[in-house]
Amino acid sequence: MQLSKDNLQHFVNNMPEKIDVLELFDKLLLMAKIENSTHQEKAQTHVHEEELEKEIDLWG
């Protein structure tokens, strides 16, 4: 999973002075997943519904 330097830089520039490390990791993972899905959408590749449901189950 990858995250572009531009998106990461924007996040760092706008984050609070102090941030919980677990919250930081969660936000970075979410940003990377959103960026990945945007690239998949442009490439017209999609995740099957079953795979999505399995991943969502892992979240919580």
PDB file of N, CA and C in Angstrom:
ATOM      1  N   MET A   1       0.855  -1.167   0.000  1.00  0.00           N
ATOM      2  CA  MET A   1       0.000   0.000   0.000  1.00  0.00           C
ATOM      3  C   MET A   1       0.902   1.231   0.000  1.00  0.00           C
ATOM      4  N   GLN A   2       0.543   2.203  -0.809  1.00  0.00           N
ATOM      5  CA  GLN A   2       1.372   3.392  -0.937  1.00  0.00           C
ATOM      6  C   GLN A   2       0.552   4.647  -0.722  1.00  0.00           C
ATOM      7  N   LEU A   3       1.254   5.706  -0.354  1.00  0.00           N
ATOM      8  CA  LEU A   3       0.644   7.017  -0.150  1.00  0.00           C
ATOM      9  C   LEU A   3       1.552   8.039  -0.825  1.00  0.00           C
ATOM     10  N   SER A   4       0.975   8.928  -1.606  1.00  0.00           N
ATOM     11  CA  SER A   4       1.809   9.895  -2.326  1.00  0.00           C
ATOM     12  C   SER A   4       2.419  10.910  -1.362  1.00  0.00           C
ATOM     13  N   LYS A   5       3.576  11.397  -1.728  1.00  0.00           N
ATOM     14  CA  LYS A   5       4.288  12.369  -0.916  1.00  0.00           C
ATOM     15  C   LYS A   5       3.463  13.650  -0.756  1.00  0.00           C
ATOM     16  N   ASP A   6       2.764  14.061  -1.811  1.00  0.00           N
ATOM     17  CA  ASP A   6       1.945  15.272  -1.749  1.00  0.00           C
ATOM     18  C   ASP A   6       0.827  15.141  -0.714  1.00  0.00           C
ATOM     19  N   ASN A   7       0.136  13.998  -0.716  1.00  0.00           N
ATOM     20  CA  ASN A   7      -0.936  13.794   0.264  1.00  0.00           C
ATOM     21  C   ASN A   7      -0.385  13.716   1.678  1.00  0.00           C
ATOM     22  N   LEU A   8       0.742  13.060   1.841  1.00  0.00           N
ATOM     23  CA  LEU A   8       1.363  12.957   3.153  1.00  0.00           C
ATOM     24  C   LEU A   8       1.811  14.334   3.637  1.00  0.00           C
ATOM     25  N   GLN A   9       2.401  15.118   2.765  1.00  0.00           N
ATOM     26  CA  GLN A   9       2.868  16.458   3.127  1.00  0.00           C
ATOM     27  C   GLN A   9       1.696  17.337   3.536  1.00  0.00           C
ATOM     28  N   HIS A  10       0.593  17.268   2.804  1.00  0.00           N
ATOM     29  CA  HIS A  10      -0.598  18.044   3.143  1.00  0.00           C
ATOM     30  C   HIS A  10      -1.109  17.647   4.527  1.00  0.00           C
ATOM     31  N   PHE A  11      -1.130  16.346   4.809  1.00  0.00           N
ATOM     32  CA  PHE A  11      -1.581  15.860   6.106  1.00  0.00           C
ATOM     33  C   PHE A  11      -0.680  16.372   7.228  1.00  0.00           C
ATOM     34  N   VAL A  12       0.634  16.269   7.037  1.00  0.00           N
ATOM     35  CA  VAL A  12       1.584  16.709   8.069  1.00  0.00           C
ATOM     36  C   VAL A  12       1.467  18.211   8.305  1.00  0.00           C
ATOM     37  N   ASN A  13       1.304  18.972   7.246  1.00  0.00           N
ATOM     38  CA  ASN A  13       1.189  20.422   7.387  1.00  0.00           C
ATOM     39  C   ASN A  13      -0.067  20.838   8.139  1.00  0.00           C
ATOM     40  N   ASN A  14      -1.116  20.005   8.114  1.00  0.00           N
ATOM     41  CA  ASN A  14      -2.389  20.375   8.721  1.00  0.00           C
ATOM     42  C   ASN A  14      -2.733  19.597   9.988  1.00  0.00           C
ATOM     43  N   MET A  15      -1.824  18.764  10.459  1.00  0.00           N
ATOM     44  CA  MET A  15      -2.128  18.004  11.665  1.00  0.00           C
ATOM     45  C   MET A  15      -1.849  18.849  12.906  1.00  0.00           C
ATOM     46  N   PRO A  16      -2.499  18.495  14.022  1.00  0.00           N
ATOM     47  CA  PRO A  16      -2.277  19.255  15.257  1.00  0.00           C
ATOM     48  C   PRO A  16      -0.853  19.076  15.778  1.00  0.00           C
ATOM     49  N   GLU A  17      -0.476  19.926  16.733  1.00  0.00           N
ATOM     50  CA  GLU A  17       0.870  19.860  17.309  1.00  0.00           C
ATOM     51  C   GLU A  17       1.146  18.503  17.947  1.00  0.00           C
ATOM     52  N   LYS A  18       0.139  17.938  18.609  1.00  0.00           N
ATOM     53  CA  LYS A  18       0.279  16.623  19.229  1.00  0.00           C
ATOM     54  C   LYS A  18      -0.811  15.724  18.667  1.00  0.00           C
ATOM     55  N   ILE A  19      -0.445  14.492  18.373  1.00  0.00           N
ATOM     56  CA  ILE A  19      -1.406  13.543  17.832  1.00  0.00           C
ATOM     57  C   ILE A  19      -1.093  12.163  18.402  1.00  0.00           C
ATOM     58  N   ASP A  20      -2.133  11.430  18.720  1.00  0.00           N
ATOM     59  CA  ASP A  20      -1.978  10.074  19.216  1.00  0.00           C
ATOM     60  C   ASP A  20      -1.401   9.199  18.103  1.00  0.00           C
ATOM     61  N   VAL A  21      -0.421   8.399  18.430  1.00  0.00           N
ATOM     62  CA  VAL A  21       0.267   7.586  17.427  1.00  0.00           C
ATOM     63  C   VAL A  21      -0.697   6.609  16.755  1.00  0.00           C
ATOM     64  N   LEU A  22      -1.574   5.984  17.521  1.00  0.00           N
ATOM     65  CA  LEU A  22      -2.537   5.049  16.922  1.00  0.00           C
ATOM     66  C   LEU A  22      -3.488   5.776  15.982  1.00  0.00           C
ATOM     67  N   GLU A  23      -3.914   6.975  16.372  1.00  0.00           N
ATOM     68  CA  GLU A  23      -4.769   7.776  15.498  1.00  0.00           C
ATOM     69  C   GLU A  23      -4.022   8.157  14.225  1.00  0.00           C
ATOM     70  N   LEU A  24      -2.743   8.476  14.358  1.00  0.00           N
ATOM     71  CA  LEU A  24      -1.910   8.805  13.200  1.00  0.00           C
ATOM     72  C   LEU A  24      -1.848   7.641  12.220  1.00  0.00           C
ATOM     73  N   PHE A  25      -1.579   6.437  12.743  1.00  0.00           N
ATOM     74  CA  PHE A  25      -1.517   5.257  11.883  1.00  0.00           C
ATOM     75  C   PHE A  25      -2.857   4.990  11.205  1.00  0.00           C
ATOM     76  N   ASP A  26      -3.948   5.113  11.963  1.00  0.00           N
ATOM     77  CA  ASP A  26      -5.271   4.903  11.381  1.00  0.00           C
ATOM     78  C   ASP A  26      -5.542   5.880  10.242  1.00  0.00           C
ATOM     79  N   LYS A  27      -5.212   7.144  10.455  1.00  0.00           N
ATOM     80  CA  LYS A  27      -5.445   8.149   9.411  1.00  0.00           C
ATOM     81  C   LYS A  27      -4.575   7.900   8.188  1.00  0.00           C
ATOM     82  N   LEU A  28      -3.316   7.520   8.410  1.00  0.00           N
ATOM     83  CA  LEU A  28      -2.431   7.242   7.280  1.00  0.00           C
ATOM     84  C   LEU A  28      -2.915   6.045   6.480  1.00  0.00           C
ATOM     85  N   LEU A  29      -3.362   4.991   7.176  1.00  0.00           N
ATOM     86  CA  LEU A  29      -3.894   3.820   6.478  1.00  0.00           C
ATOM     87  C   LEU A  29      -5.146   4.176   5.689  1.00  0.00           C
ATOM     88  N   LEU A  30      -6.021   4.963   6.299  1.00  0.00           N
ATOM     89  CA  LEU A  30      -7.239   5.376   5.602  1.00  0.00           C
ATOM     90  C   LEU A  30      -6.902   6.206   4.369  1.00  0.00           C
ATOM     91  N   MET A  31      -5.978   7.138   4.509  1.00  0.00           N
ATOM     92  CA  MET A  31      -5.573   7.958   3.367  1.00  0.00           C
ATOM     93  C   MET A  31      -4.999   7.098   2.251  1.00  0.00           C
ATOM     94  N   ALA A  32      -4.176   6.127   2.602  1.00  0.00           N
ATOM     95  CA  ALA A  32      -3.578   5.250   1.599  1.00  0.00           C
ATOM     96  C   ALA A  32      -4.651   4.406   0.911  1.00  0.00           C
ATOM     97  N   LYS A  33      -5.619   3.921   1.674  1.00  0.00           N
ATOM     98  CA  LYS A  33      -6.698   3.122   1.081  1.00  0.00           C
ATOM     99  C   LYS A  33      -7.554   3.961   0.144  1.00  0.00           C
ATOM    100  N   ILE A  34      -7.826   5.195   0.538  1.00  0.00           N
ATOM    101  CA  ILE A  34      -8.609   6.089  -0.326  1.00  0.00           C
ATOM    102  C   ILE A  34      -7.840   6.384  -1.605  1.00  0.00           C
ATOM    103  N   GLU A  35      -6.550   6.674  -1.458  1.00  0.00           N
ATOM    104  CA  GLU A  35      -5.723   6.943  -2.642  1.00  0.00           C
ATOM    105  C   GLU A  35      -5.664   5.716  -3.547  1.00  0.00           C
ATOM    106  N   ASN A  36      -5.517   4.550  -2.950  1.00  0.00           N
ATOM    107  CA  ASN A  36      -5.472   3.306  -3.715  1.00  0.00           C
ATOM    108  C   ASN A  36      -6.788   3.082  -4.454  1.00  0.00           C
ATOM    109  N   SER A  37      -7.899   3.332  -3.785  1.00  0.00           N
ATOM    110  CA  SER A  37      -9.196   3.119  -4.441  1.00  0.00           C
ATOM    111  C   SER A  37      -9.407   4.106  -5.579  1.00  0.00           C
ATOM    112  N   THR A  38      -8.889   5.319  -5.422  1.00  0.00           N
ATOM    113  CA  THR A  38      -8.987   6.317  -6.487  1.00  0.00           C
ATOM    114  C   THR A  38      -8.205   5.856  -7.712  1.00  0.00           C
ATOM    115  N   HIS A  39      -7.018   5.296  -7.486  1.00  0.00           N
ATOM    116  CA  HIS A  39      -6.215   4.779  -8.599  1.00  0.00           C
ATOM    117  C   HIS A  39      -6.897   3.577  -9.250  1.00  0.00           C
ATOM    118  N   GLN A  40      -7.509   2.716  -8.436  1.00  0.00           N
ATOM    119  CA  GLN A  40      -8.221   1.556  -8.975  1.00  0.00           C
ATOM    120  C   GLN A  40      -9.412   2.001  -9.813  1.00  0.00           C
ATOM    121  N   GLU A  41     -10.094   3.035  -9.343  1.00  0.00           N
ATOM    122  CA  GLU A  41     -11.252   3.542 -10.081  1.00  0.00           C
ATOM    123  C   GLU A  41     -10.821   4.072 -11.441  1.00  0.00           C
ATOM    124  N   LYS A  42      -9.707   4.784 -11.465  1.00  0.00           N
ATOM    125  CA  LYS A  42      -9.199   5.307 -12.737  1.00  0.00           C
ATOM    126  C   LYS A  42      -8.778   4.173 -13.661  1.00  0.00           C
ATOM    127  N   ALA A  43      -8.246   3.104 -13.081  1.00  0.00           N
ATOM    128  CA  ALA A  43      -7.820   1.953 -13.879  1.00  0.00           C
ATOM    129  C   ALA A  43      -8.967   0.977 -14.118  1.00  0.00           C
ATOM    130  N   GLN A  44     -10.120   1.300 -13.561  1.00  0.00           N
ATOM    131  CA  GLN A  44     -11.333   0.481 -13.661  1.00  0.00           C
ATOM    132  C   GLN A  44     -11.126  -0.925 -13.113  1.00  0.00           C
ATOM    133  N   THR A  45     -10.373  -1.012 -12.028  1.00  0.00           N
ATOM    134  CA  THR A  45     -10.251  -2.271 -11.308  1.00  0.00           C
ATOM    135  C   THR A  45     -10.968  -2.108  -9.978  1.00  0.00           C
ATOM    136  N   HIS A  46     -11.748  -3.096  -9.617  1.00  0.00           N
ATOM    137  CA  HIS A  46     -12.570  -2.986  -8.416  1.00  0.00           C
ATOM    138  C   HIS A  46     -12.376  -4.198  -7.522  1.00  0.00           C
ATOM    139  N   VAL A  47     -12.630  -3.976  -6.254  1.00  0.00           N
ATOM    140  CA  VAL A  47     -12.561  -5.055  -5.275  1.00  0.00           C
ATOM    141  C   VAL A  47     -13.928  -5.731  -5.230  1.00  0.00           C
ATOM    142  N   HIS A  48     -13.928  -7.055  -5.179  1.00  0.00           N
ATOM    143  CA  HIS A  48     -15.185  -7.778  -5.072  1.00  0.00           C
ATOM    144  C   HIS A  48     -15.833  -7.493  -3.719  1.00  0.00           C
ATOM    145  N   GLU A  49     -17.135  -7.557  -3.687  1.00  0.00           N
ATOM    146  CA  GLU A  49     -17.887  -7.237  -2.470  1.00  0.00           C
ATOM    147  C   GLU A  49     -17.476  -8.117  -1.301  1.00  0.00           C
ATOM    148  N   GLU A  50     -17.214  -9.381  -1.552  1.00  0.00           N
ATOM    149  CA  GLU A  50     -16.805 -10.289  -0.470  1.00  0.00           C
ATOM    150  C   GLU A  50     -15.483  -9.843   0.149  1.00  0.00           C
ATOM    151  N   GLU A  51     -14.535  -9.413  -0.689  1.00  0.00           N
ATOM    152  CA  GLU A  51     -13.245  -8.947  -0.192  1.00  0.00           C
ATOM    153  C   GLU A  51     -13.420  -7.687   0.643  1.00  0.00           C
ATOM    154  N   LEU A  52     -14.288  -6.803   0.188  1.00  0.00           N
ATOM    155  CA  LEU A  52     -14.553  -5.571   0.913  1.00  0.00           C
ATOM    156  C   LEU A  52     -15.169  -5.873   2.277  1.00  0.00           C
ATOM    157  N   GLU A  53     -16.122  -6.776   2.323  1.00  0.00           N
ATOM    158  CA  GLU A  53     -16.763  -7.134   3.590  1.00  0.00           C
ATOM    159  C   GLU A  53     -15.759  -7.748   4.557  1.00  0.00           C
ATOM    160  N   LYS A  54     -14.838  -8.586   4.051  1.00  0.00           N
ATOM    161  CA  LYS A  54     -13.810  -9.182   4.911  1.00  0.00           C
ATOM    162  C   LYS A  54     -12.904  -8.100   5.494  1.00  0.00           C
ATOM    163  N   GLU A  55     -12.522  -7.142   4.666  1.00  0.00           N
ATOM    164  CA  GLU A  55     -11.649  -6.080   5.148  1.00  0.00           C
ATOM    165  C   GLU A  55     -12.355  -5.205   6.165  1.00  0.00           C
ATOM    166  N   ILE A  56     -13.612  -4.881   5.921  1.00  0.00           N
ATOM    167  CA  ILE A  56     -14.376  -4.068   6.867  1.00  0.00           C
ATOM    168  C   ILE A  56     -14.511  -4.799   8.198  1.00  0.00           C
ATOM    169  N   ASP A  57     -14.704  -6.119   8.174  1.00  0.00           N
ATOM    170  CA  ASP A  57     -14.781  -6.902   9.410  1.00  0.00           C
ATOM    171  C   ASP A  57     -13.486  -6.802  10.206  1.00  0.00           C
ATOM    172  N   LEU A  58     -12.343  -6.685   9.527  1.00  0.00           N
ATOM    173  CA  LEU A  58     -11.064  -6.566  10.213  1.00  0.00           C
ATOM    174  C   LEU A  58     -10.903  -5.235  10.922  1.00  0.00           C
ATOM    175  N   TRP A  59     -11.637  -4.214  10.481  1.00  0.00           N
ATOM    176  CA  TRP A  59     -11.519  -2.866  11.065  1.00  0.00           C
ATOM    177  C   TRP A  59     -12.019  -2.813  12.495  1.00  0.00           C
ATOM    178  N   GLY A  60     -13.010  -3.626  12.810  1.00  0.00           N
ATOM    179  CA  GLY A  60     -13.514  -3.363  14.127  1.00  0.00           C
ATOM    180  C   GLY A  60     -14.241  -4.320  14.850  1.00  0.00           C
TER     181      GLY A  60
END
